[in-house]
Amino acid sequence: MKNIVKVPKILLPKGHIDKSKWSVIACDQFTSQPDYWEKLADYVEDSPSALNIIFPEVYLEEKGKQERIKTINSNMYNYLKCGIFEEFEGFILVERTTPDGQKRLGLVIAVDLEEYDYTPENDALIKATEKTVVDRLPPRIEVRKGACLELPHIMMLMDDRKEKIIERLYKSKDFFPKAYDFDLNMNGGHIKGYKIANCAPVIDKLNSLLDKTVLIEKYGSDKPILFAVGDGNHSLATAKECWNKIKKTLKKSEISEHPARYALCELVNLHDKSLQFQPIHRVVLGVDEDFIDYMGKGLEKLDGRAQVKVIYKDKIYYWKVSENPSDAIADIQHLMDTYAKTHKKMVIDYIHGDGHLQEVSKVNDGVGVFMPCLEKDGLFDYVVRRGVLPRKSFSMGHAEDKRYYLECRYIGEPK
C-alpha cells in the first residue's frame, strides 16, 4: 500500500500567543471586500498573526506585489527563528463550531503530492473536484517558492459513509491532549483541536477506503479514489507545481523525505452532517444589459426547465437553466467565458452568500448571478465518472465557515 498519508510535524503557536489574533480566514475569501481585511488588520495590530504570512487575494491587483511577497517570506523566517512555535508530530482532530452553531469535524494530516493530480482526467488517488484555473497559480507560486512555512486552508474530502474514522476518533476526544481551544475572529465561530499521536491505526482505516469491494459498492467501479479536494485546490496545485520544480534539484535518496513533497490539509468526511454545500455566485463587472440579454438567449436555447435569478441596477431578471445543477453551472460558466473572449473589460468575481452578492453587485454596478447549488452526496460519483466540475461550482459552507489558517509546517529552505 502506498503511503498516501504522511504523519506531519505540525507547528502551533505557543500558549502565550493570542490564537484569536493568530488564526485568520482563508486568503481567497472576501475578495471584493477590502473592508473585511482592513478590520481584521486593525484587530490583529502588532500581535503575531497568520495575516502577516499570507497574501489575501483582495490585494492581488494592487501595486507592490513583489514587495508584499518578500515581506511575507521574511515574516515567516522571523516567526520561525523567534520561537513562537511548538512542534507536534501527529494528526490534530478538529472540532469547528461555525457561526450558526453547527459542529464540523476534521483531521489535520499531510498528503503526498505525488498522489495528487488536478488535470481533468487522471488516475491519481487524490483528485480535484473543480477545474483548476492555471492563471491563478503564478502569484501563489511566487509566495510559496520563497517560503519556509506552509499554512493550509485546504479542506480535503473523503467518502466515509459508515463514519468509522473521524467520528469514532471524536467519541474518544476526552482521552487526547488538547492542542487549542478559542474563539475565531471576525464572526468565525469557535475551534478546538486534539493531538492524535498514535496515527498508524487511523492511516490503516483511511487506506481501507481503497478496498476494491468498497469502491464497487459505492461507485459501481473499482476505479480508485481516496480523497477529493473540497476547498483550497489552487493552493494544493501550487504546492504540486513547486514540488515538481524542487524534486528536479534533489538526489533520488532525498526525494521521499523532503518536506515539500507533502502538503498539510484538513480532512473532512463528506457525510459530516454539518457540512453543507453552498452555491458560489458570480458578480460580473464591466458589462451591461447586452450581457444579460446574451446570456438569457444562449441559455434559453438549451431548453432548461429551472431558472436562476439575476440582479442588475435594482432590476431582476431570470435565466432558464437545466434542472441538473452541475449542468446548469457548466452552461452558465461556458457562456460567460465565451462572452469574455470578445469583451476584454469583463471581470468575473466569485461571491459566497446571497447578502454578499447583493452588496457587491450594488456597490460595483455589477451583474449578480445567483447560482444553483450542488447536492454533495453525488460529488465523488461525479468525479469518478466524469472528472472535474467547472471552476467555483460549490462552496462548503458560507464565507465565515471556511477554514482558518492555524497550523503550520516547515517545508524546507527555498532553492
Protein backbone atom coordinates (compact mmCIF):
# COMPACT_ATOMS: atom_id res chain seq x y z
CA MET A 1 0.00 0.00 0.00
CA LYS A 2 1.34 3.44 -0.93
CA ASN A 3 1.99 5.94 1.84
CA ILE A 4 -0.55 8.47 0.63
CA VAL A 5 -0.97 10.00 4.08
CA LYS A 6 2.06 11.35 5.93
CA VAL A 7 2.29 11.98 9.67
CA PRO A 8 3.29 15.66 9.78
CA LYS A 9 5.42 17.67 12.16
CA ILE A 10 2.94 20.42 12.96
CA LEU A 11 3.94 23.84 14.23
CA LEU A 12 1.46 25.50 16.58
CA PRO A 13 1.72 28.96 18.17
CA LYS A 14 2.83 28.62 21.79
CA GLY A 15 0.50 29.19 24.71
CA HIS A 16 1.38 32.86 25.24
CA ILE A 17 0.40 33.74 21.65
CA ASP A 18 -3.14 35.12 21.27
CA LYS A 19 -4.57 32.48 18.96
CA SER A 20 -7.67 34.58 18.24
CA LYS A 21 -5.32 37.07 16.59
CA TRP A 22 -3.05 34.43 15.12
CA SER A 23 -5.73 32.48 13.22
CA VAL A 24 -7.33 34.17 10.17
CA ILE A 25 -9.69 33.25 7.34
CA ALA A 26 -8.51 31.73 4.03
CA CYS A 27 -6.84 34.19 1.65
CA ASP A 28 -9.38 33.57 -1.14
CA GLN A 29 -12.38 34.84 0.87
CA PHE A 30 -13.93 38.33 0.77
CA THR A 31 -12.02 39.13 -2.41
CA SER A 32 -14.28 42.08 -3.23
CA GLN A 33 -14.50 43.40 0.33
CA PRO A 34 -11.25 45.11 1.38
CA ASP A 35 -13.02 46.49 4.46
CA TYR A 36 -13.12 42.95 5.90
CA TRP A 37 -9.32 42.71 5.70
CA GLU A 38 -8.84 46.24 6.99
CA LYS A 39 -10.97 45.49 10.06
CA LEU A 40 -9.01 42.25 10.57
CA ALA A 41 -5.68 44.12 10.41
CA ASP A 42 -6.96 46.67 12.96
CA TYR A 43 -7.94 43.81 15.28
CA VAL A 44 -4.63 41.95 14.93
CA GLU A 45 -2.47 45.08 15.42
CA ASP A 46 1.13 44.06 16.21
CA SER A 47 0.40 40.58 17.52
CA PRO A 48 1.95 37.55 15.81
CA SER A 49 -0.61 36.54 13.18
CA ALA A 50 -1.04 34.33 10.16
CA LEU A 51 -2.30 37.51 8.49
CA ASN A 52 1.35 38.55 8.16
CA ILE A 53 2.39 35.40 6.31
CA ILE A 54 -0.43 35.07 3.76
CA PHE A 55 -1.37 37.08 0.65
CA PRO A 56 -5.09 38.00 0.77
CA GLU A 57 -6.31 37.84 -2.81
CA VAL A 58 -8.22 41.10 -2.41
CA TYR A 59 -4.80 42.79 -2.86
CA LEU A 60 -3.59 40.81 -5.88
CA GLU A 61 -4.25 43.62 -8.36
CA GLU A 62 -2.61 46.34 -6.27
CA LYS A 63 0.88 47.71 -6.89
CA GLY A 64 3.81 46.47 -4.84
CA LYS A 65 3.04 42.77 -5.21
CA GLN A 66 6.69 41.67 -5.14
CA GLU A 67 7.44 43.76 -2.06
CA ARG A 68 4.46 42.23 -0.28
CA ILE A 69 5.67 38.72 -1.15
CA LYS A 70 9.18 39.49 0.16
CA THR A 71 7.67 40.77 3.39
CA ILE A 72 5.54 37.64 3.75
CA ASN A 73 8.54 35.35 3.28
CA SER A 74 10.63 37.46 5.67
CA ASN A 75 7.89 37.30 8.30
CA MET A 76 7.85 33.51 8.01
CA TYR A 77 11.58 33.31 8.78
CA ASN A 78 11.23 35.74 11.67
CA TYR A 79 8.38 33.74 13.20
CA LEU A 80 10.34 30.52 12.78
CA LYS A 81 13.52 31.93 14.34
CA CYS A 82 11.98 33.83 17.24
CA GLY A 83 10.50 30.70 18.78
CA ILE A 84 6.76 31.38 18.68
CA PHE A 85 6.02 27.78 17.64
CA GLU A 86 5.92 24.45 19.40
CA GLU A 87 6.21 21.25 17.35
CA PHE A 88 3.92 18.25 17.49
CA GLU A 89 4.32 15.13 15.33
CA GLY A 90 0.95 13.59 14.67
CA PHE A 91 -2.56 14.43 13.50
CA ILE A 92 -4.90 17.00 15.01
CA LEU A 93 -8.57 16.25 15.46
CA VAL A 94 -10.52 19.46 14.80
CA GLU A 95 -13.89 20.47 16.19
CA ARG A 96 -15.07 23.63 14.44
CA THR A 97 -18.24 25.34 15.64
CA THR A 98 -19.49 27.58 12.83
CA PRO A 99 -21.36 30.85 13.46
CA ASP A 100 -24.73 29.09 13.15
CA GLY A 101 -23.82 26.64 15.93
CA GLN A 102 -23.10 23.61 13.73
CA LYS A 103 -20.11 21.41 14.65
CA ARG A 104 -17.83 20.23 11.84
CA LEU A 105 -15.18 17.61 12.49
CA GLY A 106 -11.86 17.35 10.69
CA LEU A 107 -8.41 15.78 10.89
CA VAL A 108 -5.23 17.70 10.07
CA ILE A 109 -2.92 15.41 8.10
CA ALA A 110 -0.29 15.66 5.35
CA VAL A 111 -0.77 14.12 1.91
CA ASP A 112 1.74 13.02 -0.70
CA LEU A 113 1.71 15.41 -3.65
CA GLU A 114 2.92 12.58 -5.89
CA GLU A 115 -0.55 11.05 -5.44
CA TYR A 116 -2.43 14.24 -6.41
CA ASP A 117 -3.31 15.49 -9.90
CA TYR A 118 -5.50 18.46 -10.78
CA THR A 119 -5.86 17.76 -14.50
CA PRO A 120 -9.39 16.81 -15.67
CA GLU A 121 -8.71 13.14 -16.42
CA ASN A 122 -6.15 11.22 -14.37
CA ASP A 123 -5.59 8.08 -12.32
CA ALA A 124 -4.39 9.87 -9.18
CA LEU A 125 -5.72 8.81 -5.78
CA ILE A 126 -6.24 12.45 -4.78
CA LYS A 127 -8.28 14.43 -7.29
CA ALA A 128 -9.54 17.95 -7.79
CA THR A 129 -13.32 18.34 -7.82
CA GLU A 130 -13.32 21.55 -9.87
CA LYS A 131 -11.40 22.87 -12.84
CA THR A 132 -8.10 24.44 -11.85
CA VAL A 133 -7.57 27.92 -13.30
CA VAL A 134 -3.87 27.77 -14.14
CA ASP A 135 -3.69 31.57 -14.49
CA ARG A 136 -4.40 31.85 -10.75
CA LEU A 137 -1.31 29.86 -9.78
CA PRO A 138 1.63 32.24 -10.52
CA PRO A 139 1.11 34.67 -7.60
CA ARG A 140 0.64 31.75 -5.21
CA ILE A 141 3.77 30.08 -6.61
CA GLU A 142 5.69 33.33 -6.07
CA VAL A 143 4.79 33.21 -2.38
CA ARG A 144 5.45 29.50 -1.86
CA LYS A 145 8.73 29.22 -3.76
CA GLY A 146 10.35 31.65 -1.30
CA ALA A 147 8.57 30.25 1.75
CA CYS A 148 9.91 28.15 4.59
CA LEU A 149 6.43 27.53 6.02
CA GLU A 150 3.07 26.40 4.70
CA LEU A 151 -0.30 27.17 6.25
CA PRO A 152 -3.23 25.14 4.98
CA HIS A 153 -6.69 26.35 4.17
CA ILE A 154 -7.11 23.16 2.13
CA MET A 155 -10.09 21.03 3.09
CA MET A 156 -9.83 17.51 1.74
CA LEU A 157 -12.90 15.30 1.45
CA MET A 158 -13.25 11.55 1.97
CA ASP A 159 -16.30 9.40 1.29
CA ASP A 160 -16.61 7.59 4.62
CA ARG A 161 -20.30 6.72 4.54
CA LYS A 162 -20.10 4.49 7.62
CA GLU A 163 -18.45 7.29 9.65
CA LYS A 164 -15.81 4.92 11.01
CA ILE A 165 -12.77 7.22 11.04
CA ILE A 166 -13.05 10.84 12.22
CA GLU A 167 -16.37 10.33 14.00
CA ARG A 168 -15.00 7.41 16.02
CA LEU A 169 -11.91 9.41 16.97
CA TYR A 170 -14.15 12.20 18.18
CA LYS A 171 -16.00 9.86 20.53
CA SER A 172 -12.67 9.40 22.35
CA LYS A 173 -11.69 13.10 22.27
CA ASP A 174 -11.53 13.39 26.07
CA PHE A 175 -8.57 10.98 26.09
CA PHE A 176 -6.47 13.17 23.76
CA PRO A 177 -4.38 16.19 24.86
CA LYS A 178 -5.92 19.48 23.76
CA ALA A 179 -3.98 21.43 21.15
CA TYR A 180 -6.09 24.60 21.21
CA ASP A 181 -9.49 25.96 22.22
CA PHE A 182 -10.50 29.53 21.34
CA ASP A 183 -12.92 31.87 19.57
CA LEU A 184 -12.14 32.73 15.96
CA ASN A 185 -12.13 36.38 14.95
CA MET A 186 -14.47 38.15 12.51
CA ASN A 187 -17.53 36.01 13.31
CA GLY A 188 -15.75 32.74 12.54
CA GLY A 189 -17.19 30.78 15.45
CA HIS A 190 -15.09 28.59 17.75
CA ILE A 191 -12.41 25.94 17.26
CA LYS A 192 -10.93 23.13 19.37
CA GLY A 193 -8.10 20.78 18.50
CA TYR A 194 -6.91 17.48 19.98
CA LYS A 195 -3.49 15.86 19.49
CA ILE A 196 -3.51 12.38 17.95
CA ALA A 197 -0.07 10.81 18.46
CA ASN A 198 -0.91 7.20 17.53
CA CYS A 199 -1.59 7.67 13.83
CA ALA A 200 -0.96 4.18 12.40
CA PRO A 201 -4.49 2.84 13.13
CA VAL A 202 -6.01 5.94 11.54
CA ILE A 203 -3.89 5.52 8.40
CA ASP A 204 -4.94 1.86 8.14
CA LYS A 205 -8.61 2.89 8.24
CA LEU A 206 -8.04 5.57 5.60
CA ASN A 207 -6.32 3.07 3.33
CA SER A 208 -9.28 0.69 3.72
CA LEU A 209 -11.36 3.17 1.69
CA LEU A 210 -9.38 1.96 -1.34
CA ASP A 211 -10.56 -1.64 -0.98
CA LYS A 212 -11.99 -2.74 -4.34
CA THR A 213 -15.13 -4.15 -2.77
CA VAL A 214 -15.79 -0.84 -1.03
CA LEU A 215 -15.21 1.12 -4.24
CA ILE A 216 -17.56 -1.06 -6.29
CA GLU A 217 -20.23 -0.87 -3.61
CA LYS A 218 -20.11 2.94 -3.63
CA TYR A 219 -19.48 3.79 -7.28
CA GLY A 220 -20.14 0.65 -9.28
CA SER A 221 -16.49 0.73 -10.33
CA ASP A 222 -13.18 -0.21 -8.75
CA LYS A 223 -11.51 2.88 -10.21
CA PRO A 224 -9.54 4.08 -7.17
CA ILE A 225 -10.10 7.39 -5.43
CA LEU A 226 -9.17 8.18 -1.84
CA PHE A 227 -9.62 11.93 -1.42
CA ALA A 228 -11.16 14.79 -3.39
CA VAL A 229 -10.27 18.42 -2.78
CA GLY A 230 -13.20 20.38 -1.37
CA ASP A 231 -11.62 23.78 -0.69
CA GLY A 232 -8.19 25.18 -1.49
CA ASN A 233 -7.47 23.27 -4.70
CA HIS A 234 -5.42 26.15 -6.13
CA SER A 235 -3.23 26.11 -3.01
CA LEU A 236 -2.70 22.37 -3.40
CA ALA A 237 -1.98 22.80 -7.11
CA THR A 238 0.57 25.48 -6.18
CA ALA A 239 2.26 23.09 -3.75
CA LYS A 240 2.34 20.45 -6.51
CA GLU A 241 3.93 22.78 -9.06
CA CYS A 242 6.55 23.95 -6.57
CA TRP A 243 7.34 20.35 -5.61
CA ASN A 244 7.73 19.38 -9.27
CA LYS A 245 10.46 22.02 -9.59
CA ILE A 246 12.15 21.21 -6.29
CA LYS A 247 12.44 17.47 -6.91
CA LYS A 248 14.43 18.10 -10.10
CA THR A 249 17.18 19.54 -7.88
CA LEU A 250 17.28 16.57 -5.48
CA LYS A 251 19.13 13.28 -5.36
CA LYS A 252 16.91 10.19 -5.56
CA SER A 253 17.65 9.41 -1.92
CA GLU A 254 16.34 12.85 -0.88
CA ILE A 255 13.02 12.80 -2.72
CA SER A 256 10.96 10.54 -0.46
CA GLU A 257 11.54 12.51 2.75
CA HIS A 258 11.80 16.09 1.52
CA PRO A 259 9.15 18.12 3.40
CA ALA A 260 7.98 19.94 0.25
CA ARG A 261 6.78 16.62 -1.18
CA TYR A 262 3.87 16.75 1.25
CA ALA A 263 1.10 19.24 1.90
CA LEU A 264 -0.78 19.92 5.12
CA CYS A 265 -4.57 19.87 4.93
CA GLU A 266 -7.70 19.23 6.94
CA LEU A 267 -9.52 16.03 6.06
CA VAL A 268 -13.31 16.15 6.40
CA ASN A 269 -15.87 13.41 5.87
CA LEU A 270 -18.21 14.32 3.01
CA HIS A 271 -21.03 12.89 5.12
CA ASP A 272 -20.42 15.08 8.15
CA LYS A 273 -23.93 16.28 8.93
CA SER A 274 -22.79 19.87 9.45
CA LEU A 275 -21.08 20.01 6.06
CA GLN A 276 -23.43 21.83 3.74
CA PHE A 277 -22.72 22.72 0.15
CA GLN A 278 -23.48 26.31 -0.78
CA PRO A 279 -23.54 27.88 -4.25
CA ILE A 280 -20.75 30.20 -5.33
CA HIS A 281 -22.39 33.15 -7.01
CA ARG A 282 -20.99 35.28 -9.82
CA VAL A 283 -20.79 39.05 -9.99
CA VAL A 284 -19.85 40.20 -13.48
CA LEU A 285 -18.23 43.63 -13.83
CA GLY A 286 -17.62 45.75 -16.90
CA VAL A 287 -20.83 44.63 -18.65
CA ASP A 288 -24.39 45.91 -19.11
CA GLU A 289 -27.81 44.76 -20.35
CA ASP A 290 -26.25 43.40 -23.54
CA PHE A 291 -24.51 40.73 -21.45
CA ILE A 292 -27.76 39.84 -19.65
CA ASP A 293 -29.56 39.52 -22.98
CA TYR A 294 -26.74 37.41 -24.47
CA MET A 295 -26.78 35.01 -21.53
CA GLY A 296 -30.57 34.75 -21.43
CA LYS A 297 -30.88 33.92 -25.12
CA GLY A 298 -27.97 31.49 -25.04
CA LEU A 299 -29.34 29.56 -22.08
CA GLU A 300 -32.88 29.53 -23.48
CA LYS A 301 -31.64 27.52 -26.48
CA LEU A 302 -30.75 24.68 -24.07
CA ASP A 303 -34.41 24.17 -23.08
CA GLY A 304 -33.82 24.19 -19.34
CA ARG A 305 -36.80 23.82 -17.01
CA ALA A 306 -35.31 25.57 -13.99
CA GLN A 307 -34.21 29.18 -13.58
CA VAL A 308 -31.68 31.37 -11.83
CA LYS A 309 -32.18 34.89 -10.54
CA VAL A 310 -30.07 37.77 -11.87
CA ILE A 311 -29.85 41.31 -10.47
CA TYR A 312 -28.52 44.49 -12.08
CA LYS A 313 -29.13 48.10 -11.01
CA ASP A 314 -32.24 47.34 -8.93
CA LYS A 315 -33.75 45.20 -11.71
CA ILE A 316 -34.41 41.46 -11.51
CA TYR A 317 -34.04 39.05 -14.42
CA TYR A 318 -34.40 35.27 -14.76
CA TRP A 319 -32.42 32.88 -16.96
CA LYS A 320 -33.68 29.41 -17.88
CA VAL A 321 -31.23 26.66 -16.93
CA SER A 322 -31.03 22.88 -16.64
CA GLU A 323 -32.66 21.17 -13.67
CA ASN A 324 -29.35 19.38 -13.08
CA PRO A 325 -27.24 21.81 -11.00
CA SER A 326 -23.90 20.62 -12.39
CA ASP A 327 -25.11 21.03 -15.98
CA ALA A 328 -26.61 24.44 -15.20
CA ILE A 329 -23.35 25.65 -13.65
CA ALA A 330 -21.35 24.34 -16.61
CA ASP A 331 -23.69 26.02 -19.13
CA ILE A 332 -23.60 29.39 -17.35
CA GLN A 333 -19.83 29.35 -16.95
CA HIS A 334 -19.27 28.32 -20.58
CA LEU A 335 -21.40 31.17 -21.92
CA MET A 336 -19.72 33.67 -19.60
CA ASP A 337 -16.28 32.54 -20.75
CA THR A 338 -17.37 32.79 -24.40
CA TYR A 339 -18.68 36.34 -23.90
CA ALA A 340 -15.47 37.36 -22.12
CA LYS A 341 -13.36 36.46 -25.18
CA THR A 342 -14.77 39.45 -27.08
CA HIS A 343 -15.30 41.78 -24.10
CA LYS A 344 -11.90 42.39 -22.54
CA LYS A 345 -13.19 44.70 -19.81
CA MET A 346 -15.41 41.98 -18.40
CA VAL A 347 -14.36 40.62 -14.99
CA ILE A 348 -15.97 37.72 -13.10
CA ASP A 349 -15.71 37.59 -9.32
CA TYR A 350 -16.89 34.68 -7.19
CA ILE A 351 -19.04 35.52 -4.19
CA HIS A 352 -20.17 33.47 -1.19
CA GLY A 353 -23.59 34.26 0.26
CA ASP A 354 -26.73 35.94 -1.09
CA GLY A 355 -26.21 39.05 1.02
CA HIS A 356 -22.62 39.47 -0.08
CA LEU A 357 -23.68 39.12 -3.72
CA GLN A 358 -26.32 41.82 -3.41
CA GLU A 359 -23.88 44.14 -1.64
CA VAL A 360 -21.00 43.67 -4.10
CA SER A 361 -23.29 43.93 -7.14
CA LYS A 362 -24.82 47.17 -5.91
CA VAL A 363 -21.56 48.85 -4.89
CA ASN A 364 -19.81 47.94 -8.15
CA ASP A 365 -22.75 48.23 -10.62
CA GLY A 366 -22.19 44.57 -11.41
CA VAL A 367 -24.48 41.86 -12.70
CA GLY A 368 -25.20 39.48 -9.83
CA VAL A 369 -26.00 35.88 -10.71
CA PHE A 370 -27.49 33.59 -8.05
CA MET A 371 -26.01 30.20 -8.95
CA PRO A 372 -27.61 26.73 -8.40
CA CYS A 373 -26.47 24.53 -5.50
CA LEU A 374 -24.94 21.06 -5.93
CA GLU A 375 -26.03 18.03 -3.92
CA LYS A 376 -22.98 16.80 -2.01
CA ASP A 377 -23.88 13.09 -1.97
CA GLY A 378 -23.22 12.77 -5.70
CA LEU A 379 -19.83 14.51 -5.68
CA PHE A 380 -17.46 11.52 -5.55
CA ASP A 381 -19.56 9.56 -8.02
CA TYR A 382 -19.43 12.52 -10.45
CA VAL A 383 -15.64 12.87 -10.10
CA VAL A 384 -15.12 9.14 -10.66
CA ARG A 385 -17.35 9.07 -13.75
CA ARG A 386 -16.83 12.45 -15.40
CA GLY A 387 -13.82 14.18 -13.86
CA VAL A 388 -13.79 17.78 -12.63
CA LEU A 389 -16.70 20.17 -12.34
CA PRO A 390 -16.44 23.74 -13.70
CA ARG A 391 -14.37 26.06 -11.54
CA LYS A 392 -16.07 27.51 -8.46
CA SER A 393 -19.05 25.14 -8.72
CA PHE A 394 -19.73 24.88 -5.00
CA SER A 395 -18.64 26.05 -1.59
CA MET A 396 -18.50 24.08 1.63
CA GLY A 397 -20.47 26.45 3.81
CA HIS A 398 -20.61 30.24 3.88
CA ALA A 399 -17.57 32.52 3.75
CA GLU A 400 -17.26 32.73 7.55
CA ASP A 401 -17.37 28.91 7.74
CA LYS A 402 -14.18 28.49 5.73
CA ARG A 403 -11.01 27.08 7.19
CA TYR A 404 -8.92 29.50 9.21
CA TYR A 405 -5.13 29.37 8.98
CA LEU A 406 -3.82 27.95 12.24
CA GLU A 407 -1.38 25.03 11.96
CA CYS A 408 1.93 25.49 10.13
CA ARG A 409 4.56 23.11 8.78
CA TYR A 410 8.20 23.61 7.82
CA ILE A 411 8.69 22.86 4.10
CA GLY A 412 12.43 23.47 3.78
CA GLU A 413 14.76 26.24 2.68
CA PRO A 414 13.92 27.72 -0.74
CA LYS A 415 16.19 26.55 -3.54
